[in-house]
């Protein structure tokens, strides 16, 4: 699949494959926009240098819906004590993921990082119906070479074929 080319011949002879690739790339850009918006939202609301993340964790611990035992332990023993470093990891991580996915650079690594963040959101009790699709799409981005279809990874893979970063 890494030899995919946007030639007229390929598009003409494989219209369904082309449609699937285009839709997948559109999804990747939507995913990137979501993470870039998350970064911007946290940055302008000063999450990096205030106790806002701490406040969200404490509020989540006490507000309904009821959390399970793992989520309570996660918040009490990990998230609340480390709220400021977590705010930095989440905020800067969202920026890195968003830029990487938008540029088609390190897509698989950024998808793995996105999956890590989303799983941690769920572990902290911030579960909603958007998380399962994000988890599934993260796994799909880890499996498919969308950075080769549209992104900087294609050229970098040609220059550095043995690098794990551009596979």
C-alpha atoms as a PDB file:
ATOM      1  CA  UNK A   1       0.000   0.000   0.000  1.00  0.00           C
ATOM      2  CA  UNK A   2       2.881   2.382   0.487  1.00  0.00           C
ATOM      3  CA  UNK A   3       3.328   2.454  -3.302  1.00  0.00           C
ATOM      4  CA  UNK A   4      -0.055   4.139  -3.722  1.00  0.00           C
ATOM      5  CA  UNK A   5       0.020   7.001  -6.192  1.00  0.00           C
ATOM      6  CA  UNK A   6      -2.556   9.669  -6.915  1.00  0.00           C
ATOM      7  CA  UNK A   7      -2.252   9.073 -10.655  1.00  0.00           C
ATOM      8  CA  UNK A   8      -5.242   9.582 -12.920  1.00  0.00           C
ATOM      9  CA  UNK A   9      -4.908   5.979 -13.999  1.00  0.00           C
ATOM     10  CA  UNK A  10      -5.183   4.686 -10.412  1.00  0.00           C
ATOM     11  CA  UNK A  11      -8.173   6.905  -9.656  1.00  0.00           C
ATOM     12  CA  UNK A  12      -9.896   5.812 -12.872  1.00  0.00           C
ATOM     13  CA  UNK A  13      -9.252   2.090 -12.391  1.00  0.00           C
ATOM     14  CA  UNK A  14      -9.809   1.965  -8.604  1.00  0.00           C
ATOM     15  CA  UNK A  15     -12.614   4.435  -7.817  1.00  0.00           C
ATOM     16  CA  UNK A  16     -13.781   2.673  -4.639  1.00  0.00           C
ATOM     17  CA  UNK A  17     -10.264   2.404  -3.201  1.00  0.00           C
ATOM     18  CA  UNK A  18      -9.716   6.067  -4.014  1.00  0.00           C
ATOM     19  CA  UNK A  19     -12.992   7.029  -2.333  1.00  0.00           C
ATOM     20  CA  UNK A  20     -12.066   5.032   0.767  1.00  0.00           C
ATOM     21  CA  UNK A  21      -8.638   6.671   0.953  1.00  0.00           C
ATOM     22  CA  UNK A  22     -10.099  10.150   0.498  1.00  0.00           C
ATOM     23  CA  UNK A  23     -12.716   9.555   3.214  1.00  0.00           C
ATOM     24  CA  UNK A  24     -10.055   8.163   5.546  1.00  0.00           C
ATOM     25  CA  UNK A  25      -7.842  11.211   5.022  1.00  0.00           C
ATOM     26  CA  UNK A  26     -10.808  13.535   5.613  1.00  0.00           C
ATOM     27  CA  UNK A  27     -11.374  11.676   8.890  1.00  0.00           C
ATOM     28  CA  UNK A  28      -7.703  12.137   9.777  1.00  0.00           C
ATOM     29  CA  UNK A  29      -8.045  15.887   9.253  1.00  0.00           C
ATOM     30  CA  UNK A  30     -11.205  16.018  11.383  1.00  0.00           C
ATOM     31  CA  UNK A  31      -9.296  14.128  14.065  1.00  0.00           C
ATOM     32  CA  UNK A  32      -6.424  16.634  13.767  1.00  0.00           C
ATOM     33  CA  UNK A  33      -8.824  19.590  14.063  1.00  0.00           C
ATOM     34  CA  UNK A  34     -10.335  18.066  17.207  1.00  0.00           C
ATOM     35  CA  UNK A  35      -6.924  17.827  18.852  1.00  0.00           C
ATOM     36  CA  UNK A  36      -5.813  21.277  17.698  1.00  0.00           C
ATOM     37  CA  UNK A  37      -9.029  22.743  19.088  1.00  0.00           C
ATOM     38  CA  UNK A  38      -8.404  20.895  22.375  1.00  0.00           C
ATOM     39  CA  UNK A  39      -4.939  22.444  22.554  1.00  0.00           C
ATOM     40  CA  UNK A  40      -6.227  25.934  21.762  1.00  0.00           C
ATOM     41  CA  UNK A  41      -9.080  25.677  24.260  1.00  0.00           C
ATOM     42  CA  UNK A  42      -6.744  24.667  27.085  1.00  0.00           C
ATOM     43  CA  UNK A  43      -4.060  27.177  26.109  1.00  0.00           C
ATOM     44  CA  UNK A  44      -6.319  30.252  26.003  1.00  0.00           C
ATOM     45  CA  UNK A  45      -8.022  29.186  29.241  1.00  0.00           C
ATOM     46  CA  UNK A  46      -4.600  28.992  30.926  1.00  0.00           C
ATOM     47  CA  UNK A  47      -4.616  25.306  31.863  1.00  0.00           C
ATOM     48  CA  UNK A  48      -0.817  25.225  31.700  1.00  0.00           C
ATOM     49  CA  UNK A  49      -0.215  27.613  34.580  1.00  0.00           C
ATOM     50  CA  UNK A  50      -3.352  27.452  36.737  1.00  0.00           C
ATOM     51  CA  UNK A  51      -5.127  24.811  38.828  1.00  0.00           C
ATOM     52  CA  UNK A  52      -8.008  24.368  36.354  1.00  0.00           C
ATOM     53  CA  UNK A  53      -7.148  20.734  35.590  1.00  0.00           C
ATOM     54  CA  UNK A  54      -7.005  20.042  39.327  1.00  0.00           C
ATOM     55  CA  UNK A  55     -10.465  21.588  39.710  1.00  0.00           C
ATOM     56  CA  UNK A  56     -11.881  19.460  36.884  1.00  0.00           C
ATOM     57  CA  UNK A  57     -10.470  16.293  38.446  1.00  0.00           C
ATOM     58  CA  UNK A  58     -11.848  17.112  41.916  1.00  0.00           C
ATOM     59  CA  UNK A  59     -15.244  18.030  40.446  1.00  0.00           C
ATOM     60  CA  UNK A  60     -15.338  14.803  38.404  1.00  0.00           C
ATOM     61  CA  UNK A  61     -14.599  12.821  41.550  1.00  0.00           C
ATOM     62  CA  UNK A  62     -17.646  14.227  43.346  1.00  0.00           C
ATOM     63  CA  UNK A  63     -20.231  14.961  40.616  1.00  0.00           C
ATOM     64  CA  UNK A  64     -22.589  12.421  39.048  1.00  0.00           C
ATOM     65  CA  UNK A  65     -22.551  10.069  37.285  1.00  0.00           C
ATOM     66  CA  UNK A  66     -21.024   7.711  39.798  1.00  0.00           C
ATOM     67  CA  UNK A  67     -17.509   6.524  39.000  1.00  0.00           C
ATOM     68  CA  UNK A  68     -16.306   2.948  39.257  1.00  0.00           C
ATOM     69  CA  UNK A  69     -13.588   1.935  41.738  1.00  0.00           C
ATOM     70  CA  UNK A  70     -10.777   2.136  39.167  1.00  0.00           C
ATOM     71  CA  UNK A  71     -11.744   5.665  38.111  1.00  0.00           C
ATOM     72  CA  UNK A  72     -11.857   6.806  41.749  1.00  0.00           C
ATOM     73  CA  UNK A  73      -8.399   5.328  42.426  1.00  0.00           C
ATOM     74  CA  UNK A  74      -7.076   6.818  39.175  1.00  0.00           C
ATOM     75  CA  UNK A  75      -8.283  10.298  40.136  1.00  0.00           C
ATOM     76  CA  UNK A  76      -7.323  10.155  43.818  1.00  0.00           C
ATOM     77  CA  UNK A  77      -3.870   8.591  43.454  1.00  0.00           C
ATOM     78  CA  UNK A  78      -2.710   9.710  40.027  1.00  0.00           C
ATOM     79  CA  UNK A  79      -4.640  12.510  38.326  1.00  0.00           C
ATOM     80  CA  UNK A  80      -5.322  14.864  41.251  1.00  0.00           C
ATOM     81  CA  UNK A  81      -1.793  14.763  42.717  1.00  0.00           C
ATOM     82  CA  UNK A  82      -0.273  15.227  39.241  1.00  0.00           C
ATOM     83  CA  UNK A  83      -2.842  17.641  37.802  1.00  0.00           C
ATOM     84  CA  UNK A  84      -0.414  20.287  36.530  1.00  0.00           C
ATOM     85  CA  UNK A  85       2.014  17.882  34.797  1.00  0.00           C
ATOM     86  CA  UNK A  86      -0.996  16.094  33.291  1.00  0.00           C
ATOM     87  CA  UNK A  87      -2.332  19.443  32.040  1.00  0.00           C
ATOM     88  CA  UNK A  88       0.990  20.005  30.267  1.00  0.00           C
ATOM     89  CA  UNK A  89       1.117  16.488  28.798  1.00  0.00           C
ATOM     90  CA  UNK A  90      -2.477  16.681  27.550  1.00  0.00           C
ATOM     91  CA  UNK A  91      -2.256  20.222  26.182  1.00  0.00           C
ATOM     92  CA  UNK A  92       1.134  19.934  24.464  1.00  0.00           C
ATOM     93  CA  UNK A  93       0.261  16.390  23.405  1.00  0.00           C
ATOM     94  CA  UNK A  94      -2.873  17.629  21.666  1.00  0.00           C
ATOM     95  CA  UNK A  95      -0.770  20.185  19.793  1.00  0.00           C
ATOM     96  CA  UNK A  96       1.787  17.578  18.699  1.00  0.00           C
ATOM     97  CA  UNK A  97      -0.916  15.115  17.633  1.00  0.00           C
ATOM     98  CA  UNK A  98      -2.886  17.751  15.732  1.00  0.00           C
ATOM     99  CA  UNK A  99       0.123  19.072  13.831  1.00  0.00           C
ATOM    100  CA  UNK A 100       1.451  15.591  13.061  1.00  0.00           C
ATOM    101  CA  UNK A 101      -1.874  14.349  11.723  1.00  0.00           C
ATOM    102  CA  UNK A 102      -2.473  17.515   9.697  1.00  0.00           C
ATOM    103  CA  UNK A 103       0.974  17.256   8.076  1.00  0.00           C
ATOM    104  CA  UNK A 104       0.836  13.488   7.653  1.00  0.00           C
ATOM    105  CA  UNK A 105       4.003  13.163   9.700  1.00  0.00           C
ATOM    106  CA  UNK A 106       4.437  10.427  12.286  1.00  0.00           C
ATOM    107  CA  UNK A 107       0.784   9.498  11.819  1.00  0.00           C
ATOM    108  CA  UNK A 108       1.069   6.080  13.429  1.00  0.00           C
ATOM    109  CA  UNK A 109       3.008   7.364  16.445  1.00  0.00           C
ATOM    110  CA  UNK A 110       0.629  10.302  16.851  1.00  0.00           C
ATOM    111  CA  UNK A 111      -2.359   7.958  16.576  1.00  0.00           C
ATOM    112  CA  UNK A 112      -0.861   5.803  19.348  1.00  0.00           C
ATOM    113  CA  UNK A 113      -0.358   8.922  21.492  1.00  0.00           C
ATOM    114  CA  UNK A 114      -3.957   9.986  20.763  1.00  0.00           C
ATOM    115  CA  UNK A 115      -5.202   6.553  21.831  1.00  0.00           C
ATOM    116  CA  UNK A 116      -3.169   6.842  25.038  1.00  0.00           C
ATOM    117  CA  UNK A 117      -4.738  10.232  25.830  1.00  0.00           C
ATOM    118  CA  UNK A 118      -8.281   9.101  25.017  1.00  0.00           C
ATOM    119  CA  UNK A 119      -7.940   5.972  27.182  1.00  0.00           C
ATOM    120  CA  UNK A 120      -6.711   8.167  30.023  1.00  0.00           C
ATOM    121  CA  UNK A 121      -9.689  10.506  29.563  1.00  0.00           C
ATOM    122  CA  UNK A 122     -11.973   7.503  30.017  1.00  0.00           C
ATOM    123  CA  UNK A 123      -9.955   6.256  33.010  1.00  0.00           C
ATOM    124  CA  UNK A 124     -10.393   9.651  34.641  1.00  0.00           C
ATOM    125  CA  UNK A 125     -14.163   9.425  34.343  1.00  0.00           C
ATOM    126  CA  UNK A 126     -14.451  11.831  31.409  1.00  0.00           C
ATOM    127  CA  UNK A 127     -16.181   9.226  29.286  1.00  0.00           C
ATOM    128  CA  UNK A 128     -18.642  10.240  26.572  1.00  0.00           C
ATOM    129  CA  UNK A 129     -19.933   8.747  23.335  1.00  0.00           C
ATOM    130  CA  UNK A 130     -17.145  10.322  21.238  1.00  0.00           C
ATOM    131  CA  UNK A 131     -14.426   8.250  22.897  1.00  0.00           C
ATOM    132  CA  UNK A 132     -15.094   4.821  21.282  1.00  0.00           C
ATOM    133  CA  UNK A 133     -14.998   6.242  17.718  1.00  0.00           C
ATOM    134  CA  UNK A 134     -11.783   8.087  18.591  1.00  0.00           C
ATOM    135  CA  UNK A 135     -10.289   4.870  19.946  1.00  0.00           C
ATOM    136  CA  UNK A 136     -11.272   2.899  16.840  1.00  0.00           C
ATOM    137  CA  UNK A 137     -10.013   5.592  14.482  1.00  0.00           C
ATOM    138  CA  UNK A 138      -6.732   5.808  16.383  1.00  0.00           C
ATOM    139  CA  UNK A 139      -6.201   2.088  15.877  1.00  0.00           C
ATOM    140  CA  UNK A 140      -7.071   2.381  12.170  1.00  0.00           C
ATOM    141  CA  UNK A 141      -4.568   5.228  11.764  1.00  0.00           C
ATOM    142  CA  UNK A 142      -1.952   3.049  13.441  1.00  0.00           C
ATOM    143  CA  UNK A 143      -2.644   0.234  10.951  1.00  0.00           C
ATOM    144  CA  UNK A 144      -3.051   2.138   7.664  1.00  0.00           C
ATOM    145  CA  UNK A 145      -0.324   4.222   5.954  1.00  0.00           C
ATOM    146  CA  UNK A 146      -2.373   7.406   5.526  1.00  0.00           C
ATOM    147  CA  UNK A 147       0.755   9.548   5.880  1.00  0.00           C
ATOM    148  CA  UNK A 148       1.949   7.920   2.653  1.00  0.00           C
ATOM    149  CA  UNK A 149      -1.342   8.627   0.896  1.00  0.00           C
ATOM    150  CA  UNK A 150      -1.276  12.326   1.731  1.00  0.00           C
ATOM    151  CA  UNK A 151       1.441  13.723   3.924  1.00  0.00           C
ATOM    152  CA  UNK A 152       5.127  14.224   4.501  1.00  0.00           C
ATOM    153  CA  UNK A 153       5.734  10.589   5.404  1.00  0.00           C
ATOM    154  CA  UNK A 154       5.888   9.441   1.780  1.00  0.00           C
ATOM    155  CA  UNK A 155       8.958  11.550   0.929  1.00  0.00           C
ATOM    156  CA  UNK A 156      10.619  10.798   4.247  1.00  0.00           C
ATOM    157  CA  UNK A 157       9.986   7.063   3.801  1.00  0.00           C
ATOM    158  CA  UNK A 158      11.586   7.230   0.335  1.00  0.00           C
ATOM    159  CA  UNK A 159      14.675   8.906   1.839  1.00  0.00           C
ATOM    160  CA  UNK A 160      14.783   6.739   4.982  1.00  0.00           C
ATOM    161  CA  UNK A 161      13.145   3.399   4.119  1.00  0.00           C
ATOM    162  CA  UNK A 162      14.442   1.634   7.237  1.00  0.00           C
ATOM    163  CA  UNK A 163      13.190   4.229   9.727  1.00  0.00           C
ATOM    164  CA  UNK A 164      10.361   3.035  11.961  1.00  0.00           C
ATOM    165  CA  UNK A 165       9.017   6.606  12.086  1.00  0.00           C
ATOM    166  CA  UNK A 166       8.030   6.718   8.412  1.00  0.00           C
ATOM    167  CA  UNK A 167       6.695   3.191   7.786  1.00  0.00           C
END
